[in-house]
N, C-alpha and C. Protein backbone atom coordinates (compact mmCIF):
# COMPACT_ATOMS: atom_id res chain seq x y z
N MET A 1 24.53 42.69 9.99
CA MET A 1 24.33 41.89 9.26
C MET A 1 25.73 40.62 8.81
N PHE A 2 26.36 41.35 7.99
CA PHE A 2 28.20 41.11 7.67
C PHE A 2 28.97 40.60 8.65
N SER A 3 28.64 41.34 9.51
CA SER A 3 28.87 41.25 10.87
C SER A 3 28.97 40.23 11.59
N MET A 4 27.37 39.81 11.72
CA MET A 4 27.41 38.70 12.08
C MET A 4 28.25 37.31 11.81
N LEU A 5 27.63 37.52 10.36
CA LEU A 5 28.42 36.58 9.44
C LEU A 5 29.50 36.20 9.60
N ARG A 6 30.11 36.88 9.74
CA ARG A 6 31.66 37.04 10.21
C ARG A 6 32.06 36.39 11.88
N GLU A 7 31.03 36.64 12.44
CA GLU A 7 31.91 35.74 14.01
C GLU A 7 31.78 34.88 13.81
N GLY A 8 30.16 34.26 13.23
CA GLY A 8 30.23 33.03 13.18
C GLY A 8 30.60 32.05 12.77
N GLY A 9 31.11 32.33 11.80
CA GLY A 9 31.78 31.29 10.78
C GLY A 9 31.20 30.84 9.19
N MET A 10 32.06 30.30 9.50
CA MET A 10 31.63 29.30 8.16
C MET A 10 30.48 28.57 8.05
N MET A 11 29.70 28.43 9.06
CA MET A 11 28.97 27.79 9.27
C MET A 11 27.74 28.58 9.17
N MET A 12 27.93 29.16 9.73
CA MET A 12 26.89 30.86 8.97
C MET A 12 26.25 31.01 7.80
N TYR A 13 27.42 30.75 6.95
CA TYR A 13 27.17 30.90 5.99
C TYR A 13 26.41 29.13 4.76
N ALA A 14 26.53 28.61 5.67
CA ALA A 14 26.12 27.42 5.41
C ALA A 14 24.89 27.29 5.80
N ILE A 15 24.36 27.56 6.92
CA ILE A 15 22.96 27.68 7.13
C ILE A 15 21.98 29.29 6.44
N LEU A 16 22.84 29.96 5.53
CA LEU A 16 22.22 30.88 5.22
C LEU A 16 22.16 30.36 3.38
N VAL A 17 22.46 29.01 2.97
CA VAL A 17 22.58 28.44 1.67
C VAL A 17 20.98 28.27 2.04
N ILE A 18 20.88 27.22 3.04
CA ILE A 18 20.06 26.37 3.65
C ILE A 18 18.87 27.26 3.74
N PHE A 19 18.86 28.30 4.11
CA PHE A 19 17.70 29.11 3.78
C PHE A 19 17.18 29.43 2.32
N MET A 20 18.16 30.17 1.48
CA MET A 20 17.35 30.40 0.24
C MET A 20 17.63 29.10 -0.51
N ALA A 21 17.81 28.47 0.22
CA ALA A 21 17.79 26.38 -0.93
C ALA A 21 16.25 26.38 -0.53
N GLY A 22 15.96 25.97 0.95
CA GLY A 22 14.24 26.46 1.43
C GLY A 22 13.32 27.11 0.49
N PHE A 23 13.65 28.90 1.03
CA PHE A 23 12.93 29.73 0.31
C PHE A 23 12.49 29.57 -1.15
N VAL A 24 13.39 29.09 -1.97
CA VAL A 24 13.56 28.94 -3.32
C VAL A 24 12.52 27.60 -3.68
N LEU A 25 12.88 26.70 -2.97
CA LEU A 25 11.60 25.16 -2.47
C LEU A 25 9.99 25.34 -2.08
N PHE A 26 9.97 26.41 -1.30
CA PHE A 26 9.01 26.79 -0.59
C PHE A 26 7.93 27.69 -1.93
N CYS A 27 9.03 28.55 -2.64
CA CYS A 27 8.56 29.32 -3.72
C CYS A 27 7.56 28.69 -5.15
N GLU A 28 8.31 27.62 -5.30
CA GLU A 28 8.55 26.60 -6.25
C GLU A 28 6.82 25.73 -5.65
N ARG A 29 7.14 25.14 -4.96
CA ARG A 29 6.13 24.31 -4.56
C ARG A 29 4.60 24.92 -4.22
N ALA A 30 4.48 25.87 -3.59
CA ALA A 30 3.59 27.11 -3.49
C ALA A 30 2.71 27.36 -4.50
N THR A 31 3.55 27.82 -5.60
CA THR A 31 2.85 28.78 -7.11
C THR A 31 2.09 27.47 -7.43
N PHE A 32 3.09 25.70 -7.66
CA PHE A 32 2.76 24.39 -8.33
C PHE A 32 1.16 24.25 -7.16
N LEU A 33 1.08 24.33 -6.41
CA LEU A 33 0.05 23.46 -5.55
C LEU A 33 -1.34 24.54 -4.97
N PHE A 34 -0.72 25.86 -4.89
CA PHE A 34 -1.64 27.16 -4.89
C PHE A 34 -2.30 27.76 -5.99
N LEU A 35 -1.22 27.46 -6.94
CA LEU A 35 -1.90 28.59 -7.90
C LEU A 35 -2.28 27.69 -9.61
N HIS A 36 -1.09 26.62 -9.60
CA HIS A 36 -1.22 26.19 -11.48
C HIS A 36 -2.10 25.05 -11.04
N LEU A 37 -2.17 24.82 -9.77
CA LEU A 37 -3.36 23.53 -9.01
C LEU A 37 -4.88 24.15 -8.67
N LYS A 38 -5.15 25.04 -8.97
CA LYS A 38 -6.35 25.82 -8.62
C LYS A 38 -7.59 25.96 -9.72
N LEU A 39 -8.38 24.64 -9.23
CA LEU A 39 -9.39 24.56 -9.91
C LEU A 39 -11.35 24.28 -9.14
N ASP A 40 -12.10 25.48 -9.74
CA ASP A 40 -13.44 25.03 -8.97
C ASP A 40 -13.33 23.27 -9.15
N THR A 41 -13.55 22.47 -8.22
CA THR A 41 -13.57 21.05 -8.31
C THR A 41 -14.90 21.19 -8.29
N ASP A 42 -16.15 21.61 -7.56
CA ASP A 42 -16.95 21.05 -7.49
C ASP A 42 -17.81 21.67 -8.85
N GLY A 43 -17.48 22.82 -9.62
CA GLY A 43 -17.96 23.54 -10.88
C GLY A 43 -17.79 22.40 -11.51
N PHE A 44 -15.95 22.44 -12.05
CA PHE A 44 -16.15 21.20 -12.84
C PHE A 44 -16.39 19.86 -12.33
N LEU A 45 -17.02 19.44 -11.57
CA LEU A 45 -17.47 17.87 -11.36
C LEU A 45 -19.55 17.94 -12.02
N ARG A 46 -19.79 19.29 -11.50
CA ARG A 46 -20.88 19.05 -12.03
C ARG A 46 -21.36 19.64 -13.93
N LYS A 47 -20.34 20.44 -13.98
CA LYS A 47 -19.96 20.13 -15.62
C LYS A 47 -20.47 18.96 -15.99
N ILE A 48 -19.23 17.86 -15.56
CA ILE A 48 -19.61 16.55 -16.20
C ILE A 48 -20.50 15.48 -15.98
N VAL A 49 -20.75 16.00 -14.61
CA VAL A 49 -22.12 15.38 -14.34
C VAL A 49 -23.54 15.68 -15.63
N PHE A 50 -23.29 17.34 -15.77
CA PHE A 50 -24.45 17.71 -16.61
C PHE A 50 -24.54 17.10 -18.12
N PHE A 51 -22.98 16.56 -18.63
CA PHE A 51 -23.45 16.55 -19.90
C PHE A 51 -23.84 14.81 -19.87
N LEU A 52 -23.58 13.48 -18.25
CA LEU A 52 -22.85 12.85 -18.39
C LEU A 52 -25.39 12.28 -18.31
N GLU A 53 -25.61 13.36 -17.48
CA GLU A 53 -27.33 13.34 -17.09
C GLU A 53 -28.31 12.80 -18.60
N LYS A 54 -27.55 13.79 -19.72
CA LYS A 54 -28.15 13.36 -20.91
C LYS A 54 -27.64 12.72 -21.84
N MET A 55 -26.62 11.51 -21.11
CA MET A 55 -26.12 10.95 -21.83
C MET A 55 -25.25 11.60 -22.85
N ASN A 56 -24.71 12.41 -22.91
CA ASN A 56 -23.10 12.69 -23.47
C ASN A 56 -22.50 12.82 -23.26
N TYR A 57 -21.77 11.77 -23.46
CA TYR A 57 -20.39 11.35 -23.40
C TYR A 57 -19.08 12.04 -23.91
N ARG A 58 -19.88 12.85 -25.03
CA ARG A 58 -18.67 13.25 -26.05
C ARG A 58 -18.13 14.52 -25.08
N GLY A 59 -19.19 15.15 -25.07
CA GLY A 59 -19.67 16.53 -24.22
C GLY A 59 -18.68 16.35 -22.72
N ALA A 60 -19.21 15.38 -22.04
CA ALA A 60 -17.70 15.11 -21.13
C ALA A 60 -16.26 14.76 -20.66
N LEU A 61 -16.18 14.04 -22.19
CA LEU A 61 -14.94 14.40 -22.38
C LEU A 61 -14.00 15.57 -22.99
N GLU A 62 -15.11 16.19 -23.84
CA GLU A 62 -14.47 17.80 -24.42
C GLU A 62 -13.83 18.35 -22.90
N GLU A 63 -15.25 17.90 -21.87
CA GLU A 63 -14.63 18.68 -20.46
C GLU A 63 -13.95 18.87 -19.97
N CYS A 64 -13.40 17.35 -20.05
CA CYS A 64 -11.90 17.09 -19.49
C CYS A 64 -10.81 17.50 -20.21
N THR A 65 -11.03 17.44 -21.58
CA THR A 65 -9.75 17.80 -22.38
C THR A 65 -9.62 19.38 -22.07
N ARG A 66 -10.44 20.11 -22.02
CA ARG A 66 -10.06 21.01 -21.64
C ARG A 66 -9.48 21.59 -19.98
N ALA A 67 -9.62 20.43 -19.46
CA ALA A 67 -8.72 20.47 -18.15
C ALA A 67 -8.39 20.02 -18.06
N GLU A 68 -7.07 19.73 -19.33
CA GLU A 68 -6.29 18.37 -18.91
C GLU A 68 -5.27 18.68 -18.24
N LYS A 69 -4.58 19.96 -18.13
CA LYS A 69 -3.33 20.58 -17.96
C LYS A 69 -3.82 20.47 -16.48
N HIS A 70 -4.33 19.82 -15.56
CA HIS A 70 -4.92 19.87 -14.64
C HIS A 70 -5.19 18.37 -13.56
N PRO A 71 -4.24 18.10 -12.99
CA PRO A 71 -4.38 16.35 -12.79
C PRO A 71 -5.96 15.82 -12.74
N LEU A 72 -7.01 16.80 -11.77
CA LEU A 72 -8.21 16.15 -12.01
C LEU A 72 -8.81 15.96 -13.26
N GLY A 73 -8.45 16.67 -14.17
CA GLY A 73 -9.06 16.06 -15.71
C GLY A 73 -8.26 15.44 -16.07
N ARG A 74 -7.26 15.37 -15.72
CA ARG A 74 -6.33 13.60 -16.40
C ARG A 74 -7.67 12.64 -15.89
N ILE A 75 -7.96 12.79 -14.11
CA ILE A 75 -8.32 11.33 -13.42
C ILE A 75 -9.76 10.87 -14.00
N LEU A 76 -10.19 12.23 -14.54
CA LEU A 76 -11.69 11.63 -14.64
C LEU A 76 -11.50 11.35 -16.37
N LYS A 77 -11.24 11.59 -16.67
CA LYS A 77 -11.26 11.95 -18.32
C LYS A 77 -10.81 9.78 -18.08
N ALA A 78 -9.41 9.55 -17.10
CA ALA A 78 -9.60 8.11 -17.65
C ALA A 78 -10.26 7.25 -17.32
N GLY A 79 -10.94 7.73 -16.52
CA GLY A 79 -12.60 6.61 -15.87
C GLY A 79 -13.92 7.37 -17.31
N LEU A 80 -13.69 8.09 -17.59
CA LEU A 80 -15.03 8.02 -18.73
C LEU A 80 -14.53 7.46 -19.94
N LEU A 81 -13.28 7.54 -20.45
CA LEU A 81 -12.72 6.61 -21.30
C LEU A 81 -13.28 5.07 -21.02
N LYS A 82 -13.50 4.55 -20.12
CA LYS A 82 -13.96 3.12 -19.81
C LYS A 82 -15.50 3.17 -19.40
N SER A 83 -15.86 4.29 -19.59
CA SER A 83 -17.64 4.20 -19.20
C SER A 83 -17.78 2.82 -20.40
N GLY A 84 -18.95 2.36 -19.55
CA GLY A 84 -19.95 1.77 -20.55
C GLY A 84 -19.40 -0.04 -20.36
N LYS A 85 -17.55 0.26 -19.50
CA LYS A 85 -17.44 -1.37 -19.31
C LYS A 85 -17.64 -1.27 -18.09
N LYS A 86 -16.94 -2.31 -17.49
CA LYS A 86 -17.38 -3.30 -16.30
C LYS A 86 -16.93 -2.13 -15.09
N ASP A 87 -17.94 -2.24 -13.95
CA ASP A 87 -17.24 -0.74 -12.99
C ASP A 87 -15.72 -1.49 -12.04
N LYS A 88 -15.22 -2.89 -12.45
CA LYS A 88 -13.98 -2.82 -11.91
C LYS A 88 -12.97 -2.16 -12.96
N ASP A 89 -13.43 -2.70 -14.13
CA ASP A 89 -12.53 -1.64 -15.18
C ASP A 89 -12.70 -0.22 -15.35
N ILE A 90 -13.59 0.37 -14.77
CA ILE A 90 -13.50 1.77 -14.41
C ILE A 90 -12.72 2.10 -13.44
N GLU A 91 -13.08 1.69 -12.34
CA GLU A 91 -12.41 1.72 -10.71
C GLU A 91 -10.70 1.65 -10.60
N GLN A 92 -10.04 0.75 -12.44
CA GLN A 92 -8.95 0.42 -12.11
C GLN A 92 -8.47 1.86 -13.19
N ALA A 93 -8.86 2.18 -13.88
CA ALA A 93 -8.28 2.97 -14.69
C ALA A 93 -8.30 4.11 -13.88
N ILE A 94 -9.01 4.51 -13.35
CA ILE A 94 -9.12 5.83 -12.07
C ILE A 94 -8.00 5.70 -11.03
N LYS A 95 -8.15 4.29 -10.79
CA LYS A 95 -6.42 4.15 -9.17
C LYS A 95 -5.09 4.74 -10.27
N GLU A 96 -5.75 3.97 -11.42
CA GLU A 96 -3.77 3.74 -12.21
C GLU A 96 -3.87 5.57 -12.73
N LYS A 97 -4.19 6.01 -12.56
CA LYS A 97 -4.67 7.55 -13.19
C LYS A 97 -3.79 8.20 -11.99
N MET A 98 -4.81 8.05 -10.53
CA MET A 98 -4.55 8.51 -9.22
C MET A 98 -2.76 8.14 -9.01
N LEU A 99 -2.67 7.01 -8.92
CA LEU A 99 -1.50 6.67 -8.55
C LEU A 99 -0.37 7.48 -9.54
N ARG A 100 -0.44 8.07 -10.78
CA ARG A 100 0.45 8.50 -11.53
C ARG A 100 0.41 9.76 -11.23
N GLU A 101 -0.64 10.82 -10.72
CA GLU A 101 -0.86 12.57 -10.83
C GLU A 101 -0.41 12.45 -8.78
N ILE A 102 -0.74 11.80 -8.16
CA ILE A 102 0.06 11.80 -6.54
C ILE A 102 1.66 12.31 -6.36
N PRO A 103 2.31 11.53 -7.55
CA PRO A 103 3.31 11.64 -6.47
C PRO A 103 3.47 13.03 -7.17
N SER A 104 3.22 13.76 -7.95
CA SER A 104 3.60 15.09 -8.73
C SER A 104 3.93 16.23 -7.20
N ILE A 105 2.13 15.82 -6.91
CA ILE A 105 1.22 16.67 -6.00
C ILE A 105 2.53 16.44 -4.34
N GLN A 106 2.71 15.74 -4.36
CA GLN A 106 4.07 15.40 -2.89
C GLN A 106 5.49 15.63 -3.36
N ALA A 107 5.39 15.68 -4.67
CA ALA A 107 7.04 15.84 -4.33
C ALA A 107 7.66 17.42 -4.22
N ARG A 108 8.80 16.75 -3.49
CA ARG A 108 9.45 17.60 -2.76
C ARG A 108 9.44 18.08 -1.36
N ILE A 109 8.31 18.09 -0.74
CA ILE A 109 7.98 18.83 0.23
C ILE A 109 8.27 18.15 1.22
N ASN A 110 8.85 16.86 1.08
CA ASN A 110 9.66 16.89 2.69
C ASN A 110 10.94 17.10 2.61
N TYR A 111 11.46 17.86 1.60
CA TYR A 111 13.03 18.43 1.74
C TYR A 111 13.08 19.53 2.51
N MET A 112 11.68 19.86 2.83
CA MET A 112 11.23 20.72 3.61
C MET A 112 12.25 20.80 5.08
N ILE A 113 11.65 19.29 5.39
CA ILE A 113 12.13 19.13 6.52
C ILE A 113 13.38 19.30 6.60
N MET A 114 13.53 18.34 5.58
CA MET A 114 15.40 18.00 5.87
C MET A 114 15.81 19.38 5.75
N LEU A 115 16.09 20.62 5.12
CA LEU A 115 16.35 21.66 4.96
C LEU A 115 16.50 22.39 6.53
N ALA A 116 15.32 21.75 7.31
CA ALA A 116 15.11 22.54 8.73
C ALA A 116 16.02 22.12 10.21
N CYS A 117 16.20 20.24 9.76
CA CYS A 117 17.09 19.46 10.22
C CYS A 117 18.30 19.91 10.11
N LEU A 118 18.61 20.34 9.10
CA LEU A 118 20.30 20.58 8.59
C LEU A 118 20.56 21.73 9.15
N ALA A 119 19.37 22.63 9.02
CA ALA A 119 20.22 23.94 9.92
C ALA A 119 20.19 23.91 11.28
N VAL A 120 19.91 23.40 11.76
CA VAL A 120 19.62 23.21 13.52
C VAL A 120 21.18 22.34 13.75
N LEU A 121 21.02 21.63 13.14
CA LEU A 121 22.31 20.16 13.15
C LEU A 121 23.35 20.90 13.18
N PHE A 122 23.86 21.95 12.20
CA PHE A 122 24.85 23.48 11.78
C PHE A 122 25.13 24.41 12.55
N GLY A 123 23.87 24.70 13.00
CA GLY A 123 23.93 25.41 13.85
C GLY A 123 24.50 24.69 15.03
N LEU A 124 24.28 24.08 15.74
CA LEU A 124 24.83 23.36 16.78
C LEU A 124 26.22 23.11 16.85
N PHE A 125 26.12 21.88 16.05
CA PHE A 125 27.90 21.84 15.11
C PHE A 125 28.92 23.48 14.93
N GLY A 126 28.25 24.51 14.66
CA GLY A 126 29.24 25.85 14.62
C GLY A 126 29.38 26.23 16.23
N THR A 127 28.09 26.34 16.54
CA THR A 127 28.36 26.63 18.18
C THR A 127 29.73 25.46 19.00
N THR A 128 29.27 23.82 19.00
CA THR A 128 30.46 23.55 19.59
C THR A 128 32.14 22.69 18.77
N THR A 129 31.41 23.84 17.52
CA THR A 129 33.46 23.94 17.23
C THR A 129 33.62 24.80 18.02
N GLY A 130 32.85 26.36 18.03
CA GLY A 130 33.37 27.43 18.19
C GLY A 130 33.31 27.54 19.14
N LEU A 131 32.70 27.16 20.89
CA LEU A 131 33.26 26.71 21.85
C LEU A 131 34.67 26.05 22.28
N ILE A 132 34.65 24.84 21.66
CA ILE A 132 36.07 24.44 21.65
C ILE A 132 37.02 24.99 21.50
N SER A 133 36.77 25.83 20.07
CA SER A 133 38.77 26.71 19.49
C SER A 133 38.22 27.86 20.81
N ILE A 134 37.57 28.41 21.49
CA ILE A 134 37.53 29.63 22.46
C ILE A 134 38.40 28.87 23.82
N PHE A 135 37.59 27.83 23.84
CA PHE A 135 38.03 27.24 25.41
C PHE A 135 40.02 27.17 25.43
N ARG A 136 40.44 26.40 23.64
CA ARG A 136 41.72 26.22 23.75
C ARG A 136 42.22 27.44 23.87
N SER A 137 41.97 28.31 23.54
CA SER A 137 42.34 30.03 23.38
C SER A 137 42.98 30.40 24.45
N ALA A 138 41.94 30.37 25.25
CA ALA A 138 41.90 30.33 26.50
C ALA A 138 42.70 30.15 27.33
N GLY A 139 43.42 28.36 26.97
CA GLY A 139 43.63 28.45 28.34
C GLY A 139 45.47 28.94 28.49
N ALA A 140 45.78 28.93 27.03
CA ALA A 140 47.38 30.04 26.95
C ALA A 140 47.03 31.40 28.07
N LEU A 141 46.01 31.42 28.07
CA LEU A 141 45.81 33.06 28.38
C LEU A 141 45.78 33.07 30.64
N SER A 142 45.81 34.66 30.76
CA SER A 142 45.60 34.53 32.71
C SER A 142 43.87 34.26 32.70
N GLU A 143 43.83 33.95 34.22
CA GLU A 143 42.22 33.86 34.13
C GLU A 143 41.52 34.66 33.65
N ALA A 144 41.77 35.93 34.46
CA ALA A 144 41.27 37.17 34.31
C ALA A 144 40.88 37.87 32.32
N THR A 145 42.11 37.55 32.16
CA THR A 145 42.07 38.29 30.65
C THR A 145 41.42 36.45 29.65
N SER A 146 41.26 35.29 29.87
CA SER A 146 40.54 33.91 29.60
C SER A 146 39.00 34.63 30.22
N HIS A 147 38.30 34.91 31.06
CA HIS A 147 37.33 35.40 31.36
C HIS A 147 36.69 36.25 30.60
N GLY A 148 36.67 37.16 30.34
CA GLY A 148 36.61 37.69 29.42
C GLY A 148 36.54 37.85 28.03
N ILE A 149 37.01 36.92 27.87
CA ILE A 149 37.46 36.44 25.86
C ILE A 149 36.20 34.87 25.99
N ILE A 150 36.55 34.36 26.94
CA ILE A 150 35.31 33.18 26.56
C ILE A 150 34.07 33.18 27.05
N MET A 151 33.76 34.59 27.39
CA MET A 151 32.49 35.49 27.45
C MET A 151 31.56 35.53 26.28
N LYS A 152 32.58 36.79 25.73
CA LYS A 152 32.52 37.41 24.25
C LYS A 152 32.50 35.85 23.07
N GLY A 153 33.66 35.41 23.04
CA GLY A 153 33.99 34.39 22.01
C GLY A 153 32.26 33.46 22.66
N ALA A 154 31.71 32.65 23.60
CA ALA A 154 30.67 31.95 23.62
C ALA A 154 29.54 32.69 23.17
N ALA A 155 29.31 34.58 23.40
CA ALA A 155 28.45 34.65 23.00
C ALA A 155 28.35 34.44 21.37
N GLU A 156 29.55 34.81 20.55
CA GLU A 156 29.77 35.06 18.96
C GLU A 156 29.21 33.65 19.01
N ALA A 157 29.48 32.16 19.28
CA ALA A 157 29.80 30.80 19.12
C ALA A 157 28.32 30.45 18.64
N MET A 158 26.91 31.16 19.93
CA MET A 158 25.96 30.92 20.11
C MET A 158 25.07 31.20 19.06
N LEU A 159 25.97 32.37 17.97
CA LEU A 159 25.10 33.12 16.29
C LEU A 159 24.76 32.13 16.30
N THR A 160 25.54 30.94 15.87
CA THR A 160 25.18 29.56 14.79
C THR A 160 24.05 28.65 15.33
N ALA A 161 23.73 28.87 16.42
CA ALA A 161 22.84 28.08 16.81
C ALA A 161 21.39 29.01 16.80
N ALA A 162 21.22 30.42 16.88
CA ALA A 162 20.14 31.15 17.25
C ALA A 162 19.97 31.26 15.56
N LEU A 163 21.21 31.78 14.13
CA LEU A 163 20.13 31.24 13.06
C LEU A 163 19.91 30.04 12.93
N GLY A 164 20.45 29.13 13.40
CA GLY A 164 20.03 28.15 12.55
C GLY A 164 18.50 27.53 13.01
N PHE A 165 18.36 28.21 14.06
CA PHE A 165 16.40 27.83 14.67
C PHE A 165 15.92 28.84 13.57
N ILE A 166 16.37 29.84 13.33
CA ILE A 166 15.71 31.07 12.78
C ILE A 166 15.31 30.55 11.58
N VAL A 167 16.40 29.86 10.81
CA VAL A 167 15.75 28.87 9.93
C VAL A 167 15.59 27.97 9.43
N ALA A 168 15.21 27.14 10.61
CA ALA A 168 14.93 25.92 10.95
C ALA A 168 13.60 26.45 10.88
N ILE A 169 13.22 27.19 11.93
CA ILE A 169 11.56 27.30 12.07
C ILE A 169 10.42 27.46 10.45
N PRO A 170 10.97 28.55 10.08
CA PRO A 170 9.94 29.08 9.26
C PRO A 170 9.88 27.89 7.64
N CYS A 171 11.17 26.96 7.66
CA CYS A 171 10.96 25.58 7.19
C CYS A 171 10.05 24.70 7.38
N LEU A 172 9.94 24.55 8.44
CA LEU A 172 8.86 23.47 9.34
C LEU A 172 7.23 24.87 8.79
N ILE A 173 7.29 25.60 9.33
CA ILE A 173 6.22 26.18 8.95
C ILE A 173 5.58 25.95 7.80
N GLY A 174 6.36 26.11 6.47
CA GLY A 174 6.64 26.07 5.10
C GLY A 174 5.97 24.69 4.76
N TYR A 175 6.89 23.60 5.42
CA TYR A 175 6.81 22.42 5.33
C TYR A 175 4.72 22.09 5.85
N PHE A 176 5.09 22.30 6.72
CA PHE A 176 2.65 22.14 7.15
C PHE A 176 1.91 22.38 6.10
N ILE A 177 2.55 23.65 6.00
CA ILE A 177 1.86 24.57 5.05
C ILE A 177 1.44 23.87 3.55
N LEU A 178 2.19 23.27 3.00
CA LEU A 178 2.30 22.85 1.90
C LEU A 178 1.86 21.48 1.66
N LYS A 179 2.46 20.59 3.35
CA LYS A 179 1.93 19.27 3.46
C LYS A 179 0.18 19.12 3.40
N TYR A 180 -0.69 20.50 3.74
CA TYR A 180 -1.78 20.63 4.37
C TYR A 180 -2.43 20.68 2.59
N ARG A 181 -1.98 21.38 2.25
CA ARG A 181 -2.44 21.64 0.36
C ARG A 181 -2.47 20.86 -0.40
N GLY A 182 -0.99 19.86 -0.25
CA GLY A 182 -0.95 18.78 -0.87
C GLY A 182 -2.05 17.83 -0.23
N THR A 183 -2.22 17.76 0.64
CA THR A 183 -3.70 16.47 1.10
C THR A 183 -4.98 16.86 0.89
N TYR A 184 -5.14 18.31 1.34
CA TYR A 184 -6.26 19.32 0.49
C TYR A 184 -6.98 18.56 -0.92
N LEU A 185 -5.36 18.20 -1.80
CA LEU A 185 -5.95 18.56 -3.23
C LEU A 185 -6.32 17.10 -3.28
N ILE A 186 -5.30 16.09 -2.26
CA ILE A 186 -5.59 14.94 -2.92
C ILE A 186 -6.59 14.11 -2.51
N GLU A 187 -7.78 14.54 -0.92
CA GLU A 187 -8.70 14.00 -0.92
C GLU A 187 -10.20 14.85 -1.68
N GLN A 188 -9.21 15.61 -2.74
CA GLN A 188 -10.62 15.87 -3.76
C GLN A 188 -11.17 15.93 -4.09
N PHE A 189 -9.51 15.27 -5.21
CA PHE A 189 -9.51 14.34 -6.40
C PHE A 189 -9.99 12.99 -5.93
N GLU A 190 -9.70 12.54 -4.96
CA GLU A 190 -10.31 11.08 -4.62
C GLU A 190 -12.08 11.55 -4.23
N GLU A 191 -12.13 12.37 -4.11
CA GLU A 191 -13.76 12.50 -4.30
C GLU A 191 -14.54 12.41 -5.11
N LYS A 192 -13.69 13.70 -6.00
CA LYS A 192 -14.90 13.69 -7.49
C LYS A 192 -14.45 12.35 -7.97
N ALA A 193 -12.93 11.42 -7.97
CA ALA A 193 -13.03 10.39 -8.72
C ALA A 193 -14.37 9.10 -8.02
N LEU A 194 -14.13 9.23 -7.49
CA LEU A 194 -15.70 8.90 -6.58
C LEU A 194 -17.09 8.69 -7.34
N SER A 195 -16.55 10.22 -6.82
CA SER A 195 -17.90 10.78 -7.76
C SER A 195 -18.62 10.46 -9.13
N LEU A 196 -17.70 9.78 -9.96
CA LEU A 196 -17.79 9.92 -11.18
C LEU A 196 -17.87 8.33 -11.36
N PHE A 197 -17.30 7.69 -10.47
CA PHE A 197 -17.34 6.34 -10.55
C PHE A 197 -18.69 5.60 -10.23
N ASN A 198 -18.99 6.34 -9.28
CA ASN A 198 -20.52 6.01 -8.97
C ASN A 198 -21.77 6.09 -9.71
N ILE A 199 -21.70 7.71 -10.69
CA ILE A 199 -22.58 8.20 -11.73
C ILE A 199 -22.22 7.26 -12.96
N LEU A 200 -21.54 7.02 -13.05
CA LEU A 200 -20.56 5.75 -14.43
C LEU A 200 -21.67 4.59 -14.11
N SER A 201 -21.21 4.00 -12.62
CA SER A 201 -21.63 2.59 -12.44
C SER A 201 -23.27 2.72 -12.38
N SER A 202 -23.52 3.86 -11.70
CA SER A 202 -25.23 3.64 -12.02
C SER A 202 -25.73 3.71 -13.41
N LEU A 203 -25.18 4.62 -14.59
CA LEU A 203 -25.37 4.36 -15.63
C LEU A 203 -25.29 3.02 -16.27
N ASN A 204 -24.27 2.60 -16.11
CA ASN A 204 -24.28 1.34 -16.46
C ASN A 204 -25.87 0.43 -16.22
N ARG A 205 -25.65 0.33 -14.60
CA ARG A 205 -26.71 -0.40 -14.26
C ARG A 205 -28.29 0.02 -14.86
N ASP A 206 -28.56 1.26 -14.52
CA ASP A 206 -29.63 1.45 -15.67
C ASP A 206 -30.20 1.30 -17.31
N LYS A 207 -28.62 1.04 -18.06
CA LYS A 207 -28.94 0.42 -19.23
C LYS A 207 -28.55 -0.99 -19.20
N GLU A 208 -28.41 -1.64 -18.29
CA GLU A 208 -28.52 -3.00 -17.77
C GLU A 208 -30.05 -3.16 -17.84
N LEU A 209 -30.69 -2.68 -16.59
CA LEU A 209 -31.94 -3.10 -16.68
C LEU A 209 -32.88 -2.73 -17.82
N LEU A 210 -32.35 -1.20 -18.29
CA LEU A 210 -32.95 -1.82 -19.57
C LEU A 210 -32.87 -2.71 -21.34
N HIS A 211 -32.11 -2.55 -20.77
CA HIS A 211 -31.79 -4.80 -21.63
C HIS A 211 -32.39 -5.11 -21.47
N GLN A 212 -32.54 -5.81 -19.81
CA GLN A 212 -33.01 -6.42 -19.29
C GLN A 212 -35.06 -6.75 -19.70
N ALA A 213 -35.43 -5.49 -19.76
CA ALA A 213 -36.26 -5.27 -20.00
C ALA A 213 -37.12 -4.93 -21.45
N VAL A 214 -35.51 -5.01 -22.41
CA VAL A 214 -36.34 -4.72 -24.04
C VAL A 214 -35.98 -6.44 -24.74
N GLU A 215 -35.70 -6.73 -23.71
CA GLU A 215 -35.31 -8.40 -24.25
C GLU A 215 -36.53 -9.18 -24.44
N PRO A 216 -36.74 -9.27 -23.35
CA PRO A 216 -38.06 -10.25 -23.80
C PRO A 216 -39.06 -9.50 -24.63
N LYS A 217 -39.28 -8.06 -24.40
CA LYS A 217 -40.26 -8.27 -25.57
C LYS A 217 -39.52 -8.35 -26.42
N ALA A 218 -38.90 -7.98 -27.49
CA ALA A 218 -37.97 -8.54 -28.49
C ALA A 218 -38.56 -9.50 -28.96
N ILE A 219 -38.00 -10.79 -28.04
CA ILE A 219 -38.08 -12.19 -28.17
C ILE A 219 -39.39 -12.55 -28.13
N GLU A 220 -40.58 -12.03 -27.68
CA GLU A 220 -42.11 -11.98 -27.60
C GLU A 220 -42.55 -11.76 -28.69
N ARG A 221 -42.64 -10.97 -28.87
CA ARG A 221 -42.11 -10.21 -30.34
C ARG A 221 -41.90 -10.82 -31.67
N GLU A 222 -40.90 -11.20 -31.66
CA GLU A 222 -40.54 -12.01 -33.10
C GLU A 222 -40.89 -13.50 -32.81
N GLY A 223 -41.58 -14.30 -31.25
CA GLY A 223 -42.69 -15.08 -31.23
C GLY A 223 -43.78 -14.77 -32.19
N VAL A 224 -44.07 -13.84 -31.99
CA VAL A 224 -45.76 -13.56 -32.90
C VAL A 224 -45.61 -13.06 -33.85
N LEU A 225 -44.69 -12.80 -34.72
CA LEU A 225 -44.50 -12.68 -36.18
C LEU A 225 -43.87 -14.14 -36.66
N ARG A 226 -43.40 -15.29 -36.02
CA ARG A 226 -43.58 -16.13 -36.23
C ARG A 226 -44.61 -17.20 -36.62
């Protein structure tokens, strides 16, 4: 392994650094997306709906507070804090919170693509410079000697291109894994936030209808007393 690195030249070490950077980045993002953001979103929303159906807003808020370390807990809490207000205010609060939370999910994932591209480019650059060096050296030798040197040198120069592709492929795979997970989480947050908005909006309409039904009776009763 080390002999291959020496034969490939400095670009081999540069590609190795890219590989280590990609590995660390993937581990960090995967830990955050798959472990830190792991949550039974359906069960979490069911608990909140259970409290809201009983008109227990405090219980729903406490449930969100317990899950406040998770973005979904913070998003739903922002909507609950606007409960009782206009639908537009609730929707705006949820949207603002979503816009703050989404960047943390998508953060640094695109760097995996950049590292994959750099690995390939460094590999091709190392191969190109290696071949230039070989042909320059072979020009000063006899034809029989130079043929063997060129073949051996070309094989060594190709090592950088091969390593570049070997590093780039896992980086691309890692990118698509992280991207898919991030997209899935965002879709889950949007779905649950919309469900909460619909529930709060429905409760607000029920309150308005109840108020409209009670108000005429109250006025009628007041007229009778007079």
